[in-house]
């Protein structure tokens, strides 16, 4: 299988490595970087020193920095015989395209691929920033429906830190799509003794879980940074899961999806794991850092910062904290001071 991973951040690099090491796949894998200088360094040193330092890139992994076509040009295509530019040549003949870009870049990348006829899967988790003050933030599949409705596409999600996947440590993911071809192709591309891939047609549930858990991880990081204790952490995770589930079901998801890898699983990992960027934001805010300082120190995207404004009561307290309207201790008081209610409410 020919696999092209578009985006050379930590997660894109880790999945490219996983596909390259696939024991039974015999895959040909190319990792594309938008930054030509970064691509040249990776090619020369066989390491993504910026995002995955210390992890060796195998010789079999191709590295590319083919320029994206101009925004006004026709979209790239994989139709036979058509390779209008270097980027078109890169994706031409691919069996699977993986979009490893942040949510903020997804719309533009999907537009470039709108004529492709092979399975496409995105890795980003979150809500796109609303296009206006009256609009709602969109999930990835909703963005795709707007800009590239004919794509056969879906998402690859689940509880996973890029570094552990790159090291070949055991991980389980979910291939989510309404299209069986996308689910089956992702399983064939990545399922291995160290990386299990489960199929799920509930793309709405998978994406809501992946987006909301980032916001909750900021809240849990705040809770832990203030040394509120394990009881408070457990309560926050549990109530956050309930809010996540209600939001997802309201958007058309299946409730059972939130008891699986992309709901409970991803929430627990992101909220409690020290490799979690969103958790680190919460910890930094608890220590008195500003949001700008916390994000700058990461050097990576923390999607929860951008998704918080789209979701629910716990997120409302997080938004007020991120905006500097309240202090960390006041955020805790806001959540704990809510009126009594049934656990099912």
C-alpha atoms as a PDB file:
ATOM      1  CA  UNK A   1       0.000   0.000   0.000  1.00  0.00           C
ATOM      2  CA  UNK A   2       1.247   3.496  -0.854  1.00  0.00           C
ATOM      3  CA  UNK A   3       0.603   5.819   2.099  1.00  0.00           C
ATOM      4  CA  UNK A   4       1.260   9.563   2.155  1.00  0.00           C
ATOM      5  CA  UNK A   5       1.163  11.367   5.519  1.00  0.00           C
ATOM      6  CA  UNK A   6       0.605  15.096   5.075  1.00  0.00           C
ATOM      7  CA  UNK A   7       2.011  16.878   8.111  1.00  0.00           C
ATOM      8  CA  UNK A   8       5.297  16.213   9.893  1.00  0.00           C
ATOM      9  CA  UNK A   9       4.370  17.080  13.460  1.00  0.00           C
ATOM     10  CA  UNK A  10       4.721  14.570  16.263  1.00  0.00           C
ATOM     11  CA  UNK A  11       1.574  12.576  15.485  1.00  0.00           C
ATOM     12  CA  UNK A  12       2.002  12.506  11.723  1.00  0.00           C
ATOM     13  CA  UNK A  13       5.602  11.384  12.109  1.00  0.00           C
ATOM     14  CA  UNK A  14       4.664   8.704  14.615  1.00  0.00           C
ATOM     15  CA  UNK A  15       2.000   7.208  12.352  1.00  0.00           C
ATOM     16  CA  UNK A  16       4.329   7.324   9.361  1.00  0.00           C
ATOM     17  CA  UNK A  17       6.854   5.356  11.411  1.00  0.00           C
ATOM     18  CA  UNK A  18       4.188   2.866  12.459  1.00  0.00           C
ATOM     19  CA  UNK A  19       3.134   2.259   8.856  1.00  0.00           C
ATOM     20  CA  UNK A  20       6.755   2.004   7.756  1.00  0.00           C
ATOM     21  CA  UNK A  21       7.435  -0.689  10.366  1.00  0.00           C
ATOM     22  CA  UNK A  22       4.256  -2.626   9.558  1.00  0.00           C
ATOM     23  CA  UNK A  23       5.287  -6.269   9.498  1.00  0.00           C
ATOM     24  CA  UNK A  24       2.749  -7.579   7.013  1.00  0.00           C
ATOM     25  CA  UNK A  25       1.803  -4.491   5.039  1.00  0.00           C
ATOM     26  CA  UNK A  26       4.765  -3.968   2.738  1.00  0.00           C
ATOM     27  CA  UNK A  27       3.810  -0.294   2.699  1.00  0.00           C
ATOM     28  CA  UNK A  28       5.578   2.486   0.858  1.00  0.00           C
ATOM     29  CA  UNK A  29       5.335   5.520   3.127  1.00  0.00           C
ATOM     30  CA  UNK A  30       6.115   9.190   2.474  1.00  0.00           C
ATOM     31  CA  UNK A  31       6.013  11.916   5.140  1.00  0.00           C
ATOM     32  CA  UNK A  32       5.295  15.403   3.801  1.00  0.00           C
ATOM     33  CA  UNK A  33       6.378  18.570   5.623  1.00  0.00           C
ATOM     34  CA  UNK A  34       5.113  22.043   4.784  1.00  0.00           C
ATOM     35  CA  UNK A  35       8.460  23.496   5.916  1.00  0.00           C
ATOM     36  CA  UNK A  36      11.186  22.672   3.385  1.00  0.00           C
ATOM     37  CA  UNK A  37      13.913  23.394   5.939  1.00  0.00           C
ATOM     38  CA  UNK A  38      12.400  20.923   8.386  1.00  0.00           C
ATOM     39  CA  UNK A  39      12.160  18.301   5.635  1.00  0.00           C
ATOM     40  CA  UNK A  40      15.814  18.819   4.709  1.00  0.00           C
ATOM     41  CA  UNK A  41      16.908  18.360   8.327  1.00  0.00           C
ATOM     42  CA  UNK A  42      14.839  15.196   8.677  1.00  0.00           C
ATOM     43  CA  UNK A  43      16.283  13.841   5.453  1.00  0.00           C
ATOM     44  CA  UNK A  44      19.855  14.635   6.489  1.00  0.00           C
ATOM     45  CA  UNK A  45      19.711  13.459  10.105  1.00  0.00           C
ATOM     46  CA  UNK A  46      16.899  10.860   9.890  1.00  0.00           C
ATOM     47  CA  UNK A  47      15.249  12.428  12.938  1.00  0.00           C
ATOM     48  CA  UNK A  48      12.370  14.843  13.513  1.00  0.00           C
ATOM     49  CA  UNK A  49      14.326  16.783  16.102  1.00  0.00           C
ATOM     50  CA  UNK A  50      11.626  19.420  16.563  1.00  0.00           C
ATOM     51  CA  UNK A  51       8.733  17.092  17.416  1.00  0.00           C
ATOM     52  CA  UNK A  52      10.158  13.620  18.164  1.00  0.00           C
ATOM     53  CA  UNK A  53      13.784  14.063  19.219  1.00  0.00           C
ATOM     54  CA  UNK A  54      15.722  10.866  19.708  1.00  0.00           C
ATOM     55  CA  UNK A  55      13.466   8.751  17.464  1.00  0.00           C
ATOM     56  CA  UNK A  56      15.228   7.435  14.347  1.00  0.00           C
ATOM     57  CA  UNK A  57      13.466   7.721  10.996  1.00  0.00           C
ATOM     58  CA  UNK A  58      14.062   4.527   8.988  1.00  0.00           C
ATOM     59  CA  UNK A  59      15.748   4.769   5.607  1.00  0.00           C
ATOM     60  CA  UNK A  60      12.610   3.373   3.979  1.00  0.00           C
ATOM     61  CA  UNK A  61      10.554   6.417   5.037  1.00  0.00           C
ATOM     62  CA  UNK A  62      10.384   8.964   2.248  1.00  0.00           C
ATOM     63  CA  UNK A  63      10.542  12.668   3.120  1.00  0.00           C
ATOM     64  CA  UNK A  64       8.961  15.338   0.921  1.00  0.00           C
ATOM     65  CA  UNK A  65       8.410  19.077   0.976  1.00  0.00           C
ATOM     66  CA  UNK A  66       6.579  19.388  -2.344  1.00  0.00           C
ATOM     67  CA  UNK A  67       4.979  22.824  -2.561  1.00  0.00           C
ATOM     68  CA  UNK A  68       1.219  23.047  -2.239  1.00  0.00           C
ATOM     69  CA  UNK A  69      -0.387  24.512  -5.354  1.00  0.00           C
ATOM     70  CA  UNK A  70      -1.546  28.110  -5.232  1.00  0.00           C
ATOM     71  CA  UNK A  71      -4.824  28.576  -3.375  1.00  0.00           C
ATOM     72  CA  UNK A  72      -6.457  29.812  -6.599  1.00  0.00           C
ATOM     73  CA  UNK A  73      -5.275  26.830  -8.640  1.00  0.00           C
ATOM     74  CA  UNK A  74      -7.333  23.737  -9.348  1.00  0.00           C
ATOM     75  CA  UNK A  75      -7.370  21.152  -6.529  1.00  0.00           C
ATOM     76  CA  UNK A  76      -4.833  18.361  -6.640  1.00  0.00           C
ATOM     77  CA  UNK A  77      -6.099  15.036  -7.899  1.00  0.00           C
ATOM     78  CA  UNK A  78      -5.048  11.411  -8.000  1.00  0.00           C
ATOM     79  CA  UNK A  79      -6.949  10.687 -11.198  1.00  0.00           C
ATOM     80  CA  UNK A  80      -4.744   8.596 -13.458  1.00  0.00           C
ATOM     81  CA  UNK A  81      -2.378  10.619 -15.597  1.00  0.00           C
ATOM     82  CA  UNK A  82      -2.974  13.907 -13.844  1.00  0.00           C
ATOM     83  CA  UNK A  83      -0.094  15.357 -11.840  1.00  0.00           C
ATOM     84  CA  UNK A  84      -0.234  19.128 -12.415  1.00  0.00           C
ATOM     85  CA  UNK A  85       2.563  19.945  -9.974  1.00  0.00           C
ATOM     86  CA  UNK A  86       4.984  18.422  -7.491  1.00  0.00           C
ATOM     87  CA  UNK A  87       2.296  18.034  -4.859  1.00  0.00           C
ATOM     88  CA  UNK A  88      -0.005  16.310  -7.316  1.00  0.00           C
ATOM     89  CA  UNK A  89       2.845  13.976  -8.226  1.00  0.00           C
ATOM     90  CA  UNK A  90       3.398  13.213  -4.539  1.00  0.00           C
ATOM     91  CA  UNK A  91      -0.161  12.075  -3.899  1.00  0.00           C
ATOM     92  CA  UNK A  92      -0.648  10.526  -7.332  1.00  0.00           C
ATOM     93  CA  UNK A  93      -1.090   6.768  -7.075  1.00  0.00           C
ATOM     94  CA  UNK A  94      -1.530   6.835  -3.304  1.00  0.00           C
ATOM     95  CA  UNK A  95      -3.814   4.242  -1.735  1.00  0.00           C
ATOM     96  CA  UNK A  96      -4.321   6.254   1.469  1.00  0.00           C
ATOM     97  CA  UNK A  97      -3.810   9.898   2.426  1.00  0.00           C
ATOM     98  CA  UNK A  98      -3.392  10.822   6.094  1.00  0.00           C
ATOM     99  CA  UNK A  99      -3.954  14.464   7.076  1.00  0.00           C
ATOM    100  CA  UNK A 100      -1.806  15.180  10.120  1.00  0.00           C
ATOM    101  CA  UNK A 101      -2.574  18.896  10.354  1.00  0.00           C
ATOM    102  CA  UNK A 102      -4.129  20.854  13.245  1.00  0.00           C
ATOM    103  CA  UNK A 103      -7.843  21.706  13.005  1.00  0.00           C
ATOM    104  CA  UNK A 104      -6.952  25.232  11.932  1.00  0.00           C
ATOM    105  CA  UNK A 105      -5.315  23.925   8.741  1.00  0.00           C
ATOM    106  CA  UNK A 106      -7.812  21.160   7.920  1.00  0.00           C
ATOM    107  CA  UNK A 107     -10.177  23.215   5.745  1.00  0.00           C
ATOM    108  CA  UNK A 108      -7.416  24.420   3.424  1.00  0.00           C
ATOM    109  CA  UNK A 109      -5.858  20.973   3.123  1.00  0.00           C
ATOM    110  CA  UNK A 110      -9.195  19.307   2.350  1.00  0.00           C
ATOM    111  CA  UNK A 111      -9.806  21.885  -0.363  1.00  0.00           C
ATOM    112  CA  UNK A 112      -6.528  20.864  -2.008  1.00  0.00           C
ATOM    113  CA  UNK A 113      -7.653  17.227  -1.992  1.00  0.00           C
ATOM    114  CA  UNK A 114     -11.290  17.689  -2.980  1.00  0.00           C
ATOM    115  CA  UNK A 115     -10.913  15.741  -6.252  1.00  0.00           C
ATOM    116  CA  UNK A 116      -9.079  12.774  -4.749  1.00  0.00           C
ATOM    117  CA  UNK A 117     -10.740   9.396  -5.112  1.00  0.00           C
ATOM    118  CA  UNK A 118      -8.742   7.403  -2.571  1.00  0.00           C
ATOM    119  CA  UNK A 119      -9.480   7.125   1.180  1.00  0.00           C
ATOM    120  CA  UNK A 120      -8.506  10.182   3.207  1.00  0.00           C
ATOM    121  CA  UNK A 121      -8.264  10.242   7.001  1.00  0.00           C
ATOM    122  CA  UNK A 122      -7.562  13.154   9.340  1.00  0.00           C
ATOM    123  CA  UNK A 123      -5.869  12.913  12.745  1.00  0.00           C
ATOM    124  CA  UNK A 124      -6.896  16.254  14.278  1.00  0.00           C
ATOM    125  CA  UNK A 125      -9.271  16.395  17.229  1.00  0.00           C
ATOM    126  CA  UNK A 126     -11.282  19.487  17.985  1.00  0.00           C
ATOM    127  CA  UNK A 127     -13.737  22.065  16.722  1.00  0.00           C
ATOM    128  CA  UNK A 128     -12.849  24.473  13.956  1.00  0.00           C
ATOM    129  CA  UNK A 129     -12.949  28.085  15.126  1.00  0.00           C
ATOM    130  CA  UNK A 130     -16.360  29.578  14.245  1.00  0.00           C
ATOM    131  CA  UNK A 131     -16.337  31.584  11.026  1.00  0.00           C
ATOM    132  CA  UNK A 132     -18.465  34.306  12.645  1.00  0.00           C
ATOM    133  CA  UNK A 133     -19.812  35.284  16.059  1.00  0.00           C
ATOM    134  CA  UNK A 134     -23.165  33.726  15.149  1.00  0.00           C
ATOM    135  CA  UNK A 135     -21.732  30.432  13.903  1.00  0.00           C
ATOM    136  CA  UNK A 136     -20.839  27.250  15.773  1.00  0.00           C
ATOM    137  CA  UNK A 137     -17.474  25.539  15.611  1.00  0.00           C
ATOM    138  CA  UNK A 138     -17.501  22.583  13.222  1.00  0.00           C
ATOM    139  CA  UNK A 139     -16.167  19.068  13.710  1.00  0.00           C
ATOM    140  CA  UNK A 140     -13.770  17.716  11.083  1.00  0.00           C
ATOM    141  CA  UNK A 141     -16.394  15.712   9.179  1.00  0.00           C
ATOM    142  CA  UNK A 142     -18.597  18.824   9.000  1.00  0.00           C
ATOM    143  CA  UNK A 143     -15.721  20.838   7.548  1.00  0.00           C
ATOM    144  CA  UNK A 144     -15.178  18.098   4.980  1.00  0.00           C
ATOM    145  CA  UNK A 145     -18.874  18.119   4.060  1.00  0.00           C
ATOM    146  CA  UNK A 146     -18.571  21.819   3.237  1.00  0.00           C
ATOM    147  CA  UNK A 147     -15.330  21.937   1.269  1.00  0.00           C
ATOM    148  CA  UNK A 148     -14.843  18.420  -0.127  1.00  0.00           C
ATOM    149  CA  UNK A 149     -18.183  16.588   0.032  1.00  0.00           C
ATOM    150  CA  UNK A 150     -17.191  13.951  -2.507  1.00  0.00           C
ATOM    151  CA  UNK A 151     -14.162  12.706  -0.564  1.00  0.00           C
ATOM    152  CA  UNK A 152     -14.269   9.180   0.814  1.00  0.00           C
ATOM    153  CA  UNK A 153     -13.003  10.201   4.214  1.00  0.00           C
ATOM    154  CA  UNK A 154     -12.990   9.720   7.975  1.00  0.00           C
ATOM    155  CA  UNK A 155     -10.844  10.056  11.064  1.00  0.00           C
ATOM    156  CA  UNK A 156      -8.254   8.037  12.955  1.00  0.00           C
ATOM    157  CA  UNK A 157      -8.574   8.751  16.668  1.00  0.00           C
ATOM    158  CA  UNK A 158      -8.197   7.290  20.145  1.00  0.00           C
ATOM    159  CA  UNK A 159      -6.070   7.426  23.298  1.00  0.00           C
ATOM    160  CA  UNK A 160      -2.550   7.859  22.009  1.00  0.00           C
ATOM    161  CA  UNK A 161       0.591   9.842  22.684  1.00  0.00           C
ATOM    162  CA  UNK A 162       2.763  10.222  19.601  1.00  0.00           C
ATOM    163  CA  UNK A 163       6.000   9.388  21.395  1.00  0.00           C
ATOM    164  CA  UNK A 164       4.699   6.022  22.604  1.00  0.00           C
ATOM    165  CA  UNK A 165       3.428   5.101  19.130  1.00  0.00           C
ATOM    166  CA  UNK A 166       6.771   6.097  17.623  1.00  0.00           C
ATOM    167  CA  UNK A 167       8.517   3.829  20.122  1.00  0.00           C
ATOM    168  CA  UNK A 168       6.241   0.914  19.224  1.00  0.00           C
ATOM    169  CA  UNK A 169       4.531   0.771  22.625  1.00  0.00           C
ATOM    170  CA  UNK A 170       1.076  -0.907  22.719  1.00  0.00           C
ATOM    171  CA  UNK A 171      -1.717   1.425  21.567  1.00  0.00           C
ATOM    172  CA  UNK A 172      -5.335   1.087  20.406  1.00  0.00           C
ATOM    173  CA  UNK A 173      -6.991   3.452  17.915  1.00  0.00           C
ATOM    174  CA  UNK A 174     -10.357   3.819  16.194  1.00  0.00           C
ATOM    175  CA  UNK A 175     -10.911   4.132  12.443  1.00  0.00           C
ATOM    176  CA  UNK A 176     -14.095   6.188  12.202  1.00  0.00           C
ATOM    177  CA  UNK A 177     -16.011   6.778   8.998  1.00  0.00           C
ATOM    178  CA  UNK A 178     -19.395   6.315   7.393  1.00  0.00           C
ATOM    179  CA  UNK A 179     -17.502   4.589   4.555  1.00  0.00           C
ATOM    180  CA  UNK A 180     -16.514   0.955   5.061  1.00  0.00           C
ATOM    181  CA  UNK A 181     -13.668   1.405   2.542  1.00  0.00           C
ATOM    182  CA  UNK A 182     -12.054   4.064   4.735  1.00  0.00           C
ATOM    183  CA  UNK A 183     -12.390   1.958   7.884  1.00  0.00           C
ATOM    184  CA  UNK A 184     -11.022  -1.152   6.174  1.00  0.00           C
ATOM    185  CA  UNK A 185      -8.116   0.726   4.572  1.00  0.00           C
ATOM    186  CA  UNK A 186      -7.049   2.258   7.890  1.00  0.00           C
ATOM    187  CA  UNK A 187      -7.143  -1.134   9.576  1.00  0.00           C
ATOM    188  CA  UNK A 188      -5.046  -2.650   6.767  1.00  0.00           C
ATOM    189  CA  UNK A 189      -2.577   0.236   6.922  1.00  0.00           C
ATOM    190  CA  UNK A 190      -1.930   0.394  10.660  1.00  0.00           C
ATOM    191  CA  UNK A 191      -3.244  -2.642  12.548  1.00  0.00           C
ATOM    192  CA  UNK A 192      -0.260  -4.542  13.948  1.00  0.00           C
ATOM    193  CA  UNK A 193       0.888  -6.429  17.061  1.00  0.00           C
ATOM    194  CA  UNK A 194       1.629  -3.101  18.765  1.00  0.00           C
ATOM    195  CA  UNK A 195      -1.104  -0.914  17.259  1.00  0.00           C
ATOM    196  CA  UNK A 196      -4.663  -2.239  17.318  1.00  0.00           C
ATOM    197  CA  UNK A 197      -7.178  -0.439  15.103  1.00  0.00           C
ATOM    198  CA  UNK A 198     -10.899  -0.867  15.713  1.00  0.00           C
ATOM    199  CA  UNK A 199     -13.541   0.199  13.173  1.00  0.00           C
ATOM    200  CA  UNK A 200     -16.471   2.435  14.122  1.00  0.00           C
ATOM    201  CA  UNK A 201     -19.099   3.989  11.837  1.00  0.00           C
ATOM    202  CA  UNK A 202     -20.091   6.590  14.480  1.00  0.00           C
ATOM    203  CA  UNK A 203     -17.940   9.443  13.205  1.00  0.00           C
ATOM    204  CA  UNK A 204     -19.939  12.005  15.199  1.00  0.00           C
ATOM    205  CA  UNK A 205     -19.357  10.261  18.533  1.00  0.00           C
ATOM    206  CA  UNK A 206     -15.685   9.647  17.844  1.00  0.00           C
ATOM    207  CA  UNK A 207     -15.086  13.295  16.920  1.00  0.00           C
ATOM    208  CA  UNK A 208     -17.072  14.762  19.809  1.00  0.00           C
ATOM    209  CA  UNK A 209     -15.084  12.614  22.229  1.00  0.00           C
ATOM    210  CA  UNK A 210     -11.790  13.649  20.666  1.00  0.00           C
ATOM    211  CA  UNK A 211     -12.682  17.338  20.797  1.00  0.00           C
ATOM    212  CA  UNK A 212     -14.239  17.610  24.240  1.00  0.00           C
ATOM    213  CA  UNK A 213     -11.642  15.545  26.100  1.00  0.00           C
ATOM    214  CA  UNK A 214      -9.045  18.210  25.284  1.00  0.00           C
ATOM    215  CA  UNK A 215     -11.061  20.864  27.111  1.00  0.00           C
ATOM    216  CA  UNK A 216     -11.629  18.570  30.081  1.00  0.00           C
ATOM    217  CA  UNK A 217      -7.896  17.821  30.229  1.00  0.00           C
ATOM    218  CA  UNK A 218      -7.203  21.523  30.786  1.00  0.00           C
ATOM    219  CA  UNK A 219      -9.698  21.476  33.665  1.00  0.00           C
ATOM    220  CA  UNK A 220      -8.128  18.368  35.199  1.00  0.00           C
ATOM    221  CA  UNK A 221      -4.649  19.869  34.829  1.00  0.00           C
ATOM    222  CA  UNK A 222      -5.912  22.907  36.713  1.00  0.00           C
ATOM    223  CA  UNK A 223      -7.390  20.642  39.397  1.00  0.00           C
ATOM    224  CA  UNK A 224      -4.121  18.748  39.831  1.00  0.00           C
ATOM    225  CA  UNK A 225      -2.033  21.918  39.686  1.00  0.00           C
ATOM    226  CA  UNK A 226      -4.012  23.329  42.588  1.00  0.00           C
ATOM    227  CA  UNK A 227      -3.494  20.091  44.549  1.00  0.00           C
ATOM    228  CA  UNK A 228      -7.220  19.567  45.013  1.00  0.00           C
ATOM    229  CA  UNK A 229      -6.743  15.821  45.354  1.00  0.00           C
ATOM    230  CA  UNK A 230      -7.652  12.581  43.613  1.00  0.00           C
ATOM    231  CA  UNK A 231     -11.294  12.763  44.721  1.00  0.00           C
ATOM    232  CA  UNK A 232     -11.716  16.043  42.856  1.00  0.00           C
ATOM    233  CA  UNK A 233      -9.943  14.639  39.797  1.00  0.00           C
ATOM    234  CA  UNK A 234     -12.261  11.606  39.701  1.00  0.00           C
ATOM    235  CA  UNK A 235     -15.355  13.786  40.053  1.00  0.00           C
ATOM    236  CA  UNK A 236     -14.218  16.125  37.295  1.00  0.00           C
ATOM    237  CA  UNK A 237     -13.439  13.320  34.844  1.00  0.00           C
ATOM    238  CA  UNK A 238     -16.721  11.534  35.576  1.00  0.00           C
ATOM    239  CA  UNK A 239     -18.915  14.615  35.259  1.00  0.00           C
ATOM    240  CA  UNK A 240     -16.982  15.666  32.186  1.00  0.00           C
ATOM    241  CA  UNK A 241     -17.693  12.317  30.580  1.00  0.00           C
ATOM    242  CA  UNK A 242     -21.399  12.790  31.301  1.00  0.00           C
ATOM    243  CA  UNK A 243     -21.406  16.228  29.691  1.00  0.00           C
ATOM    244  CA  UNK A 244     -19.431  14.910  26.702  1.00  0.00           C
ATOM    245  CA  UNK A 245     -21.944  12.105  26.205  1.00  0.00           C
ATOM    246  CA  UNK A 246     -24.966  14.398  26.375  1.00  0.00           C
ATOM    247  CA  UNK A 247     -23.450  16.761  23.837  1.00  0.00           C
ATOM    248  CA  UNK A 248     -22.586  13.896  21.505  1.00  0.00           C
ATOM    249  CA  UNK A 249     -26.024  12.292  21.673  1.00  0.00           C
ATOM    250  CA  UNK A 250     -27.625  15.689  20.997  1.00  0.00           C
ATOM    251  CA  UNK A 251     -25.489  15.923  17.843  1.00  0.00           C
ATOM    252  CA  UNK A 252     -26.543  12.457  16.683  1.00  0.00           C
ATOM    253  CA  UNK A 253     -23.847  10.218  18.191  1.00  0.00           C
ATOM    254  CA  UNK A 254     -24.370   6.827  19.810  1.00  0.00           C
ATOM    255  CA  UNK A 255     -24.089   6.913  23.609  1.00  0.00           C
ATOM    256  CA  UNK A 256     -22.020   3.707  23.720  1.00  0.00           C
ATOM    257  CA  UNK A 257     -19.229   5.343  21.707  1.00  0.00           C
ATOM    258  CA  UNK A 258     -18.373   7.451  24.769  1.00  0.00           C
ATOM    259  CA  UNK A 259     -17.731   4.338  26.834  1.00  0.00           C
ATOM    260  CA  UNK A 260     -15.058   3.278  24.357  1.00  0.00           C
ATOM    261  CA  UNK A 261     -11.568   4.268  23.269  1.00  0.00           C
ATOM    262  CA  UNK A 262     -12.438   7.673  21.821  1.00  0.00           C
ATOM    263  CA  UNK A 263     -14.594   8.678  24.797  1.00  0.00           C
ATOM    264  CA  UNK A 264     -13.605   7.390  28.203  1.00  0.00           C
ATOM    265  CA  UNK A 265     -10.270   6.042  26.970  1.00  0.00           C
ATOM    266  CA  UNK A 266      -9.024   9.237  25.365  1.00  0.00           C
ATOM    267  CA  UNK A 267     -10.405  11.354  28.224  1.00  0.00           C
ATOM    268  CA  UNK A 268      -8.534   9.406  30.904  1.00  0.00           C
ATOM    269  CA  UNK A 269      -5.280   9.451  28.940  1.00  0.00           C
ATOM    270  CA  UNK A 270      -5.380  13.145  28.053  1.00  0.00           C
ATOM    271  CA  UNK A 271      -6.575  14.275  31.472  1.00  0.00           C
ATOM    272  CA  UNK A 272      -4.037  12.305  33.508  1.00  0.00           C
ATOM    273  CA  UNK A 273      -1.017  11.615  31.275  1.00  0.00           C
ATOM    274  CA  UNK A 274       1.973  13.897  31.678  1.00  0.00           C
ATOM    275  CA  UNK A 275       2.605  13.857  27.910  1.00  0.00           C
ATOM    276  CA  UNK A 276      -0.760  15.587  27.395  1.00  0.00           C
ATOM    277  CA  UNK A 277      -0.391  19.109  26.015  1.00  0.00           C
ATOM    278  CA  UNK A 278      -3.832  20.164  27.218  1.00  0.00           C
ATOM    279  CA  UNK A 279      -3.166  18.886  30.719  1.00  0.00           C
ATOM    280  CA  UNK A 280       0.084  20.864  30.712  1.00  0.00           C
ATOM    281  CA  UNK A 281      -1.866  24.036  29.898  1.00  0.00           C
ATOM    282  CA  UNK A 282      -4.056  23.492  32.964  1.00  0.00           C
ATOM    283  CA  UNK A 283      -1.055  22.824  35.189  1.00  0.00           C
ATOM    284  CA  UNK A 284       0.663  25.982  33.949  1.00  0.00           C
ATOM    285  CA  UNK A 285      -2.419  28.124  34.551  1.00  0.00           C
ATOM    286  CA  UNK A 286      -2.653  26.757  38.093  1.00  0.00           C
ATOM    287  CA  UNK A 287       0.928  27.926  38.654  1.00  0.00           C
ATOM    288  CA  UNK A 288      -0.029  31.463  37.698  1.00  0.00           C
ATOM    289  CA  UNK A 289       1.188  31.542  34.111  1.00  0.00           C
ATOM    290  CA  UNK A 290      -0.847  33.412  31.521  1.00  0.00           C
ATOM    291  CA  UNK A 291      -2.435  31.502  28.659  1.00  0.00           C
ATOM    292  CA  UNK A 292       0.115  32.988  26.243  1.00  0.00           C
ATOM    293  CA  UNK A 293       2.990  31.809  28.443  1.00  0.00           C
ATOM    294  CA  UNK A 294       1.494  28.330  28.822  1.00  0.00           C
ATOM    295  CA  UNK A 295       0.954  27.864  25.083  1.00  0.00           C
ATOM    296  CA  UNK A 296       4.367  29.279  24.154  1.00  0.00           C
ATOM    297  CA  UNK A 297       6.106  26.873  26.511  1.00  0.00           C
ATOM    298  CA  UNK A 298       4.463  23.887  24.822  1.00  0.00           C
ATOM    299  CA  UNK A 299       5.832  24.435  21.344  1.00  0.00           C
ATOM    300  CA  UNK A 300       2.902  22.320  20.092  1.00  0.00           C
ATOM    301  CA  UNK A 301      -0.803  22.886  19.456  1.00  0.00           C
ATOM    302  CA  UNK A 302      -3.137  22.316  22.438  1.00  0.00           C
ATOM    303  CA  UNK A 303      -6.505  21.954  20.691  1.00  0.00           C
ATOM    304  CA  UNK A 304      -8.488  22.302  23.925  1.00  0.00           C
ATOM    305  CA  UNK A 305      -7.597  25.995  24.066  1.00  0.00           C
ATOM    306  CA  UNK A 306      -9.489  26.533  20.806  1.00  0.00           C
ATOM    307  CA  UNK A 307     -12.320  24.051  21.390  1.00  0.00           C
ATOM    308  CA  UNK A 308     -13.387  25.250  24.836  1.00  0.00           C
ATOM    309  CA  UNK A 309     -15.749  27.931  23.555  1.00  0.00           C
ATOM    310  CA  UNK A 310     -17.859  25.384  21.716  1.00  0.00           C
ATOM    311  CA  UNK A 311     -18.887  23.084  24.548  1.00  0.00           C
ATOM    312  CA  UNK A 312     -20.522  22.792  27.982  1.00  0.00           C
ATOM    313  CA  UNK A 313     -20.617  23.934  31.677  1.00  0.00           C
ATOM    314  CA  UNK A 314     -17.151  22.683  32.639  1.00  0.00           C
ATOM    315  CA  UNK A 315     -15.835  24.259  29.461  1.00  0.00           C
ATOM    316  CA  UNK A 316     -17.507  27.559  30.360  1.00  0.00           C
ATOM    317  CA  UNK A 317     -15.353  27.757  33.486  1.00  0.00           C
ATOM    318  CA  UNK A 318     -12.281  26.857  31.426  1.00  0.00           C
ATOM    319  CA  UNK A 319     -13.080  29.605  28.902  1.00  0.00           C
ATOM    320  CA  UNK A 320     -13.397  32.211  31.646  1.00  0.00           C
ATOM    321  CA  UNK A 321     -10.031  31.079  32.999  1.00  0.00           C
ATOM    322  CA  UNK A 322      -8.355  31.108  29.576  1.00  0.00           C
ATOM    323  CA  UNK A 323      -9.713  34.594  28.916  1.00  0.00           C
ATOM    324  CA  UNK A 324      -8.327  35.885  32.224  1.00  0.00           C
ATOM    325  CA  UNK A 325     -11.789  36.718  33.534  1.00  0.00           C
ATOM    326  CA  UNK A 326     -11.351  34.593  36.662  1.00  0.00           C
ATOM    327  CA  UNK A 327      -8.448  33.152  38.654  1.00  0.00           C
ATOM    328  CA  UNK A 328      -7.809  29.394  39.002  1.00  0.00           C
ATOM    329  CA  UNK A 329      -9.351  29.195  42.473  1.00  0.00           C
ATOM    330  CA  UNK A 330     -12.447  31.031  41.225  1.00  0.00           C
ATOM    331  CA  UNK A 331     -12.855  28.500  38.411  1.00  0.00           C
ATOM    332  CA  UNK A 332     -12.954  25.712  40.979  1.00  0.00           C
ATOM    333  CA  UNK A 333     -15.490  27.631  43.088  1.00  0.00           C
ATOM    334  CA  UNK A 334     -17.646  28.182  39.999  1.00  0.00           C
ATOM    335  CA  UNK A 335     -17.815  24.456  39.270  1.00  0.00           C
ATOM    336  CA  UNK A 336     -18.279  23.331  42.863  1.00  0.00           C
ATOM    337  CA  UNK A 337     -20.894  26.024  43.531  1.00  0.00           C
ATOM    338  CA  UNK A 338     -23.395  24.808  40.954  1.00  0.00           C
ATOM    339  CA  UNK A 339     -26.860  23.960  42.281  1.00  0.00           C
ATOM    340  CA  UNK A 340     -27.621  20.369  43.359  1.00  0.00           C
ATOM    341  CA  UNK A 341     -28.881  18.129  40.548  1.00  0.00           C
ATOM    342  CA  UNK A 342     -29.523  14.521  39.653  1.00  0.00           C
ATOM    343  CA  UNK A 343     -26.455  12.689  38.329  1.00  0.00           C
ATOM    344  CA  UNK A 344     -28.503  11.881  35.199  1.00  0.00           C
ATOM    345  CA  UNK A 345     -29.242  15.571  34.588  1.00  0.00           C
END
